[in-house]
Amino acid sequence: MSLKHFHIVFLVFAILCDAAFWLWLQFMPEEAANAGAAGLKNYAGLLCVALLVYGVWYLVKKMRTIIV
Protein backbone atom coordinates (compact mmCIF):
# COMPACT_ATOMS: atom_id res chain seq x y z
CA MET A 1 0.00 0.00 0.00
CA SER A 2 1.42 3.34 -1.01
CA LEU A 3 1.60 6.34 1.26
CA LYS A 4 -1.19 8.16 -0.58
CA HIS A 5 -3.53 5.18 -0.17
CA PHE A 6 -2.62 4.95 3.51
CA HIS A 7 -3.43 8.66 3.80
CA ILE A 8 -6.90 8.10 2.36
CA VAL A 9 -7.58 5.08 4.62
CA PHE A 10 -6.37 6.98 7.69
CA LEU A 11 -8.55 9.96 6.75
CA VAL A 12 -11.64 7.75 6.39
CA PHE A 13 -11.04 6.18 9.81
CA ALA A 14 -10.47 9.61 11.37
CA ILE A 15 -13.78 10.87 9.95
CA LEU A 16 -15.64 7.77 11.15
CA CYS A 17 -14.17 7.98 14.66
CA ASP A 18 -14.88 11.69 14.97
CA ALA A 19 -18.43 11.26 13.66
CA ALA A 20 -19.04 8.46 16.16
CA PHE A 21 -17.68 10.65 18.97
CA TRP A 22 -19.97 13.51 17.91
CA LEU A 23 -22.97 11.18 17.74
CA TRP A 24 -22.18 9.90 21.24
CA LEU A 25 -22.03 13.49 22.51
CA GLN A 26 -25.25 14.36 20.68
CA PHE A 27 -27.42 11.42 21.70
CA MET A 28 -26.02 10.55 25.14
CA PRO A 29 -25.44 13.92 26.81
CA GLU A 30 -25.73 12.55 30.35
CA GLU A 31 -22.93 10.04 29.83
CA ALA A 32 -20.83 12.67 28.07
CA ALA A 33 -21.30 15.06 30.98
CA ASN A 34 -20.31 12.34 33.44
CA ALA A 35 -17.17 11.70 31.40
CA GLY A 36 -16.39 15.43 31.28
CA ALA A 37 -16.66 15.65 27.50
CA ALA A 38 -19.92 17.56 27.10
CA GLY A 39 -18.17 20.77 26.06
CA LEU A 40 -16.49 19.09 23.10
CA LYS A 41 -19.66 18.62 21.05
CA ASN A 42 -19.23 21.72 18.88
CA TYR A 43 -15.53 21.06 18.34
CA ALA A 44 -16.16 17.45 17.33
CA GLY A 45 -18.76 18.55 14.79
CA LEU A 46 -16.51 21.23 13.33
CA LEU A 47 -13.59 18.81 13.13
CA CYS A 48 -15.74 16.28 11.30
CA VAL A 49 -16.79 18.89 8.74
CA ALA A 50 -13.19 20.08 8.36
CA LEU A 51 -11.96 16.52 7.80
CA LEU A 52 -14.66 15.96 5.18
CA VAL A 53 -13.72 19.16 3.36
CA TYR A 54 -10.04 18.23 3.48
CA GLY A 55 -10.82 14.72 2.21
CA VAL A 56 -12.76 16.04 -0.77
CA TRP A 57 -10.04 18.58 -1.52
CA TYR A 58 -7.37 15.89 -1.31
CA LEU A 59 -9.21 13.51 -3.61
CA VAL A 60 -10.20 16.13 -6.19
CA LYS A 61 -7.28 18.53 -6.29
CA LYS A 62 -4.22 17.02 -4.64
CA MET A 63 -4.43 13.44 -5.95
CA ARG A 64 -4.28 14.65 -9.54
CA THR A 65 -0.91 16.34 -9.00
CA ILE A 66 0.74 13.45 -7.13
CA ILE A 67 2.96 11.19 -9.18
CA VAL A 68 1.90 7.54 -9.14
PDB file of N, CA and C in Angstrom:
ATOM      1  N   MET A   1       0.858  -1.177   0.000  1.00  0.00           N
ATOM      2  CA  MET A   1       0.000   0.000   0.000  1.00  0.00           C
ATOM      3  C   MET A   1       0.897   1.231   0.000  1.00  0.00           C
ATOM      4  N   SER A   2       0.613   2.126  -0.914  1.00  0.00           N
ATOM      5  CA  SER A   2       1.417   3.338  -1.006  1.00  0.00           C
ATOM      6  C   SER A   2       1.020   4.329   0.092  1.00  0.00           C
ATOM      7  N   LEU A   3       1.843   5.331   0.229  1.00  0.00           N
ATOM      8  CA  LEU A   3       1.602   6.338   1.257  1.00  0.00           C
ATOM      9  C   LEU A   3       0.323   7.125   0.989  1.00  0.00           C
ATOM     10  N   LYS A   4       0.032   7.404  -0.278  1.00  0.00           N
ATOM     11  CA  LYS A   4      -1.193   8.158  -0.582  1.00  0.00           C
ATOM     12  C   LYS A   4      -2.442   7.332  -0.279  1.00  0.00           C
ATOM     13  N   HIS A   5      -2.385   6.026  -0.514  1.00  0.00           N
ATOM     14  CA  HIS A   5      -3.525   5.179  -0.169  1.00  0.00           C
ATOM     15  C   HIS A   5      -3.681   5.053   1.346  1.00  0.00           C
ATOM     16  N   PHE A   6      -2.560   4.964   2.054  1.00  0.00           N
ATOM     17  CA  PHE A   6      -2.619   4.945   3.511  1.00  0.00           C
ATOM     18  C   PHE A   6      -3.227   6.241   4.028  1.00  0.00           C
ATOM     19  N   HIS A   7      -2.886   7.355   3.400  1.00  0.00           N
ATOM     20  CA  HIS A   7      -3.425   8.656   3.803  1.00  0.00           C
ATOM     21  C   HIS A   7      -4.948   8.673   3.666  1.00  0.00           C
ATOM     22  N   ILE A   8      -5.448   8.139   2.584  1.00  0.00           N
ATOM     23  CA  ILE A   8      -6.899   8.096   2.361  1.00  0.00           C
ATOM     24  C   ILE A   8      -7.574   7.192   3.381  1.00  0.00           C
ATOM     25  N   VAL A   9      -7.006   6.011   3.634  1.00  0.00           N
ATOM     26  CA  VAL A   9      -7.581   5.083   4.622  1.00  0.00           C
ATOM     27  C   VAL A   9      -7.570   5.711   6.005  1.00  0.00           C
ATOM     28  N   PHE A  10      -6.465   6.333   6.381  1.00  0.00           N
ATOM     29  CA  PHE A  10      -6.373   6.980   7.687  1.00  0.00           C
ATOM     30  C   PHE A  10      -7.388   8.112   7.807  1.00  0.00           C
ATOM     31  N   LEU A  11      -7.580   8.862   6.748  1.00  0.00           N
ATOM     32  CA  LEU A  11      -8.551   9.959   6.752  1.00  0.00           C
ATOM     33  C   LEU A  11      -9.975   9.436   6.921  1.00  0.00           C
ATOM     34  N   VAL A  12     -10.305   8.345   6.258  1.00  0.00           N
ATOM     35  CA  VAL A  12     -11.641   7.752   6.390  1.00  0.00           C
ATOM     36  C   VAL A  12     -11.872   7.295   7.829  1.00  0.00           C
ATOM     37  N   PHE A  13     -10.885   6.628   8.421  1.00  0.00           N
ATOM     38  CA  PHE A  13     -11.041   6.183   9.808  1.00  0.00           C
ATOM     39  C   PHE A  13     -11.134   7.357  10.775  1.00  0.00           C
ATOM     40  N   ALA A  14     -10.398   8.423  10.512  1.00  0.00           N
ATOM     41  CA  ALA A  14     -10.473   9.609  11.366  1.00  0.00           C
ATOM     42  C   ALA A  14     -11.862  10.242  11.294  1.00  0.00           C
ATOM     43  N   ILE A  15     -12.443  10.314  10.107  1.00  0.00           N
ATOM     44  CA  ILE A  15     -13.782  10.874   9.946  1.00  0.00           C
ATOM     45  C   ILE A  15     -14.808   9.998  10.661  1.00  0.00           C
ATOM     46  N   LEU A  16     -14.692   8.678  10.499  1.00  0.00           N
ATOM     47  CA  LEU A  16     -15.638   7.773  11.154  1.00  0.00           C
ATOM     48  C   LEU A  16     -15.542   7.854  12.675  1.00  0.00           C
ATOM     49  N   CYS A  17     -14.337   7.891  13.207  1.00  0.00           N
ATOM     50  CA  CYS A  17     -14.172   7.982  14.663  1.00  0.00           C
ATOM     51  C   CYS A  17     -14.696   9.304  15.205  1.00  0.00           C
ATOM     52  N   ASP A  18     -14.403  10.389  14.508  1.00  0.00           N
ATOM     53  CA  ASP A  18     -14.878  11.688  14.972  1.00  0.00           C
ATOM     54  C   ASP A  18     -16.391  11.796  14.860  1.00  0.00           C
ATOM     55  N   ALA A  19     -16.970  11.241  13.800  1.00  0.00           N
ATOM     56  CA  ALA A  19     -18.425  11.264  13.662  1.00  0.00           C
ATOM     57  C   ALA A  19     -19.086  10.428  14.753  1.00  0.00           C
ATOM     58  N   ALA A  20     -18.498   9.293  15.081  1.00  0.00           N
ATOM     59  CA  ALA A  20     -19.036   8.463  16.156  1.00  0.00           C
ATOM     60  C   ALA A  20     -18.941   9.182  17.500  1.00  0.00           C
ATOM     61  N   PHE A  21     -17.830   9.868  17.731  1.00  0.00           N
ATOM     62  CA  PHE A  21     -17.684  10.653  18.970  1.00  0.00           C
ATOM     63  C   PHE A  21     -18.727  11.756  19.037  1.00  0.00           C
ATOM     64  N   TRP A  22     -18.960  12.456  17.921  1.00  0.00           N
ATOM     65  CA  TRP A  22     -19.968  13.510  17.907  1.00  0.00           C
ATOM     66  C   TRP A  22     -21.360  12.944  18.144  1.00  0.00           C
ATOM     67  N   LEU A  23     -21.662  11.802  17.526  1.00  0.00           N
ATOM     68  CA  LEU A  23     -22.972  11.177  17.742  1.00  0.00           C
ATOM     69  C   LEU A  23     -23.161  10.771  19.199  1.00  0.00           C
ATOM     70  N   TRP A  24     -22.109  10.258  19.819  1.00  0.00           N
ATOM     71  CA  TRP A  24     -22.185   9.903  21.239  1.00  0.00           C
ATOM     72  C   TRP A  24     -22.469  11.150  22.076  1.00  0.00           C
ATOM     73  N   LEU A  25     -21.784  12.246  21.774  1.00  0.00           N
ATOM     74  CA  LEU A  25     -22.028  13.489  22.510  1.00  0.00           C
ATOM     75  C   LEU A  25     -23.436  14.018  22.258  1.00  0.00           C
ATOM     76  N   GLN A  26     -23.927  13.839  21.058  1.00  0.00           N
ATOM     77  CA  GLN A  26     -25.247  14.362  20.685  1.00  0.00           C
ATOM     78  C   GLN A  26     -26.379  13.569  21.329  1.00  0.00           C
ATOM     79  N   PHE A  27     -26.293  12.249  21.299  1.00  0.00           N
ATOM     80  CA  PHE A  27     -27.420  11.421  21.704  1.00  0.00           C
ATOM     81  C   PHE A  27     -27.316  10.844  23.105  1.00  0.00           C
ATOM     82  N   MET A  28     -26.178  10.996  23.753  1.00  0.00           N
ATOM     83  CA  MET A  28     -26.018  10.551  25.137  1.00  0.00           C
ATOM     84  C   MET A  28     -25.370  11.662  25.964  1.00  0.00           C
ATOM     85  N   PRO A  29     -26.068  12.785  26.120  1.00  0.00           N
ATOM     86  CA  PRO A  29     -25.436  13.920  26.805  1.00  0.00           C
ATOM     87  C   PRO A  29     -25.170  13.671  28.290  1.00  0.00           C
ATOM     88  N   GLU A  30     -25.966  12.812  28.923  1.00  0.00           N
ATOM     89  CA  GLU A  30     -25.731  12.549  30.349  1.00  0.00           C
ATOM     90  C   GLU A  30     -24.413  11.810  30.547  1.00  0.00           C
ATOM     91  N   GLU A  31     -24.178  10.786  29.720  1.00  0.00           N
ATOM     92  CA  GLU A  31     -22.935  10.036  29.832  1.00  0.00           C
ATOM     93  C   GLU A  31     -21.730  10.904  29.457  1.00  0.00           C
ATOM     94  N   ALA A  32     -21.911  11.770  28.466  1.00  0.00           N
ATOM     95  CA  ALA A  32     -20.832  12.667  28.071  1.00  0.00           C
ATOM     96  C   ALA A  32     -20.512  13.656  29.181  1.00  0.00           C
ATOM     97  N   ALA A  33     -21.532  14.141  29.866  1.00  0.00           N
ATOM     98  CA  ALA A  33     -21.304  15.062  30.985  1.00  0.00           C
ATOM     99  C   ALA A  33     -20.603  14.351  32.132  1.00  0.00           C
ATOM    100  N   ASN A  34     -20.979  13.105  32.381  1.00  0.00           N
ATOM    101  CA  ASN A  34     -20.309  12.339  33.438  1.00  0.00           C
ATOM    102  C   ASN A  34     -18.847  12.075  33.102  1.00  0.00           C
ATOM    103  N   ALA A  35     -18.541  11.926  31.823  1.00  0.00           N
ATOM    104  CA  ALA A  35     -17.166  11.697  31.397  1.00  0.00           C
ATOM    105  C   ALA A  35     -16.383  13.000  31.274  1.00  0.00           C
ATOM    106  N   GLY A  36     -17.050  14.128  31.380  1.00  0.00           N
ATOM    107  CA  GLY A  36     -16.392  15.428  31.283  1.00  0.00           C
ATOM    108  C   GLY A  36     -16.144  15.878  29.851  1.00  0.00           C
ATOM    109  N   ALA A  37     -16.887  15.336  28.904  1.00  0.00           N
ATOM    110  CA  ALA A  37     -16.661  15.651  27.498  1.00  0.00           C
ATOM    111  C   ALA A  37     -17.809  16.427  26.866  1.00  0.00           C
ATOM    112  N   ALA A  38     -18.736  16.909  27.656  1.00  0.00           N
ATOM    113  CA  ALA A  38     -19.921  17.558  27.101  1.00  0.00           C
ATOM    114  C   ALA A  38     -19.581  18.838  26.341  1.00  0.00           C
ATOM    115  N   GLY A  39     -18.536  19.524  26.724  1.00  0.00           N
ATOM    116  CA  GLY A  39     -18.168  20.770  26.060  1.00  0.00           C
ATOM    117  C   GLY A  39     -17.488  20.584  24.718  1.00  0.00           C
ATOM    118  N   LEU A  40     -17.203  19.356  24.342  1.00  0.00           N
ATOM    119  CA  LEU A  40     -16.491  19.094  23.098  1.00  0.00           C
ATOM    120  C   LEU A  40     -17.405  18.857  21.904  1.00  0.00           C
ATOM    121  N   LYS A  41     -18.712  18.947  22.114  1.00  0.00           N
ATOM    122  CA  LYS A  41     -19.661  18.618  21.048  1.00  0.00           C
ATOM    123  C   LYS A  41     -19.478  19.509  19.824  1.00  0.00           C
ATOM    124  N   ASN A  42     -19.380  20.805  20.013  1.00  0.00           N
ATOM    125  CA  ASN A  42     -19.231  21.718  18.883  1.00  0.00           C
ATOM    126  C   ASN A  42     -17.901  21.512  18.170  1.00  0.00           C
ATOM    127  N   TYR A  43     -16.839  21.280  18.941  1.00  0.00           N
ATOM    128  CA  TYR A  43     -15.525  21.056  18.339  1.00  0.00           C
ATOM    129  C   TYR A  43     -15.486  19.765  17.540  1.00  0.00           C
ATOM    130  N   ALA A  44     -16.129  18.729  18.040  1.00  0.00           N
ATOM    131  CA  ALA A  44     -16.162  17.449  17.325  1.00  0.00           C
ATOM    132  C   ALA A  44     -16.918  17.594  16.001  1.00  0.00           C
ATOM    133  N   GLY A  45     -18.008  18.332  16.020  1.00  0.00           N
ATOM    134  CA  GLY A  45     -18.763  18.548  14.791  1.00  0.00           C
ATOM    135  C   GLY A  45     -17.983  19.364  13.772  1.00  0.00           C
ATOM    136  N   LEU A  46     -17.317  20.411  14.235  1.00  0.00           N
ATOM    137  CA  LEU A  46     -16.512  21.229  13.332  1.00  0.00           C
ATOM    138  C   LEU A  46     -15.331  20.442  12.769  1.00  0.00           C
ATOM    139  N   LEU A  47     -14.708  19.616  13.592  1.00  0.00           N
ATOM    140  CA  LEU A  47     -13.595  18.808  13.127  1.00  0.00           C
ATOM    141  C   LEU A  47     -14.047  17.801  12.080  1.00  0.00           C
ATOM    142  N   CYS A  48     -15.219  17.233  12.269  1.00  0.00           N
ATOM    143  CA  CYS A  48     -15.742  16.277  11.298  1.00  0.00           C
ATOM    144  C   CYS A  48     -15.990  16.959   9.951  1.00  0.00           C
ATOM    145  N   VAL A  49     -16.559  18.138   9.973  1.00  0.00           N
ATOM    146  CA  VAL A  49     -16.793  18.890   8.741  1.00  0.00           C
ATOM    147  C   VAL A  49     -15.459  19.272   8.093  1.00  0.00           C
ATOM    148  N   ALA A  50     -14.500  19.704   8.899  1.00  0.00           N
ATOM    149  CA  ALA A  50     -13.188  20.083   8.362  1.00  0.00           C
ATOM    150  C   ALA A  50     -12.488  18.876   7.738  1.00  0.00           C
ATOM    151  N   LEU A  51     -12.569  17.720   8.363  1.00  0.00           N
ATOM    152  CA  LEU A  51     -11.965  16.520   7.799  1.00  0.00           C
ATOM    153  C   LEU A  51     -12.642  16.116   6.493  1.00  0.00           C
ATOM    154  N   LEU A  52     -13.948  16.260   6.426  1.00  0.00           N
ATOM    155  CA  LEU A  52     -14.660  15.961   5.179  1.00  0.00           C
ATOM    156  C   LEU A  52     -14.242  16.906   4.054  1.00  0.00           C
ATOM    157  N   VAL A  53     -14.135  18.182   4.364  1.00  0.00           N
ATOM    158  CA  VAL A  53     -13.719  19.165   3.358  1.00  0.00           C
ATOM    159  C   VAL A  53     -12.296  18.868   2.892  1.00  0.00           C
ATOM    160  N   TYR A  54     -11.410  18.568   3.834  1.00  0.00           N
ATOM    161  CA  TYR A  54     -10.035  18.230   3.477  1.00  0.00           C
ATOM    162  C   TYR A  54      -9.986  16.957   2.634  1.00  0.00           C
ATOM    163  N   GLY A  55     -10.793  15.964   2.971  1.00  0.00           N
ATOM    164  CA  GLY A  55     -10.816  14.722   2.211  1.00  0.00           C
ATOM    165  C   GLY A  55     -11.270  14.939   0.779  1.00  0.00           C
ATOM    166  N   VAL A  56     -12.291  15.737   0.590  1.00  0.00           N
ATOM    167  CA  VAL A  56     -12.763  16.037  -0.768  1.00  0.00           C
ATOM    168  C   VAL A  56     -11.702  16.819  -1.522  1.00  0.00           C
ATOM    169  N   TRP A  57     -11.089  17.800  -0.884  1.00  0.00           N
ATOM    170  CA  TRP A  57     -10.039  18.577  -1.520  1.00  0.00           C
ATOM    171  C   TRP A  57      -8.872  17.678  -1.919  1.00  0.00           C
ATOM    172  N   TYR A  58      -8.487  16.786  -1.031  1.00  0.00           N
ATOM    173  CA  TYR A  58      -7.367  15.895  -1.309  1.00  0.00           C
ATOM    174  C   TYR A  58      -7.676  14.983  -2.494  1.00  0.00           C
ATOM    175  N   LEU A  59      -8.861  14.424  -2.527  1.00  0.00           N
ATOM    176  CA  LEU A  59      -9.206  13.514  -3.612  1.00  0.00           C
ATOM    177  C   LEU A  59      -9.358  14.227  -4.952  1.00  0.00           C
ATOM    178  N   VAL A  60      -9.924  15.429  -4.939  1.00  0.00           N
ATOM    179  CA  VAL A  60     -10.202  16.132  -6.189  1.00  0.00           C
ATOM    180  C   VAL A  60      -8.969  16.879  -6.693  1.00  0.00           C
ATOM    181  N   LYS A  61      -8.341  17.632  -5.841  1.00  0.00           N
ATOM    182  CA  LYS A  61      -7.278  18.527  -6.287  1.00  0.00           C
ATOM    183  C   LYS A  61      -5.885  17.915  -6.129  1.00  0.00           C
ATOM    184  N   LYS A  62      -5.576  17.438  -4.957  1.00  0.00           N
ATOM    185  CA  LYS A  62      -4.220  17.022  -4.643  1.00  0.00           C
ATOM    186  C   LYS A  62      -3.849  15.701  -5.314  1.00  0.00           C
ATOM    187  N   MET A  63      -4.757  14.744  -5.388  1.00  0.00           N
ATOM    188  CA  MET A  63      -4.434  13.441  -5.950  1.00  0.00           C
ATOM    189  C   MET A  63      -4.081  13.524  -7.440  1.00  0.00           C
ATOM    190  N   ARG A  64      -4.574  14.520  -8.116  1.00  0.00           N
ATOM    191  CA  ARG A  64      -4.278  14.651  -9.543  1.00  0.00           C
ATOM    192  C   ARG A  64      -2.848  15.122  -9.790  1.00  0.00           C
ATOM    193  N   THR A  65      -2.253  15.807  -8.810  1.00  0.00           N
ATOM    194  CA  THR A  65      -0.910  16.335  -8.999  1.00  0.00           C
ATOM    195  C   THR A  65       0.160  15.399  -8.441  1.00  0.00           C
ATOM    196  N   ILE A  66      -0.233  14.360  -7.714  1.00  0.00           N
ATOM    197  CA  ILE A  66       0.741  13.447  -7.127  1.00  0.00           C
ATOM    198  C   ILE A  66       1.163  12.404  -8.175  1.00  0.00           C
ATOM    199  N   ILE A  67       2.433  12.172  -8.249  1.00  0.00           N
ATOM    200  CA  ILE A  67       2.963  11.193  -9.178  1.00  0.00           C
ATOM    201  C   ILE A  67       2.655   9.795  -8.649  1.00  0.00           C
ATOM    202  N   VAL A  68       2.257   8.899  -9.528  1.00  0.00           N
ATOM    203  CA  VAL A  68       1.896   7.539  -9.140  1.00  0.00           C
ATOM    204  C   VAL A  68       3.065   6.752  -8.739  1.00  0.00           C
TER     205      VAL A  68
END
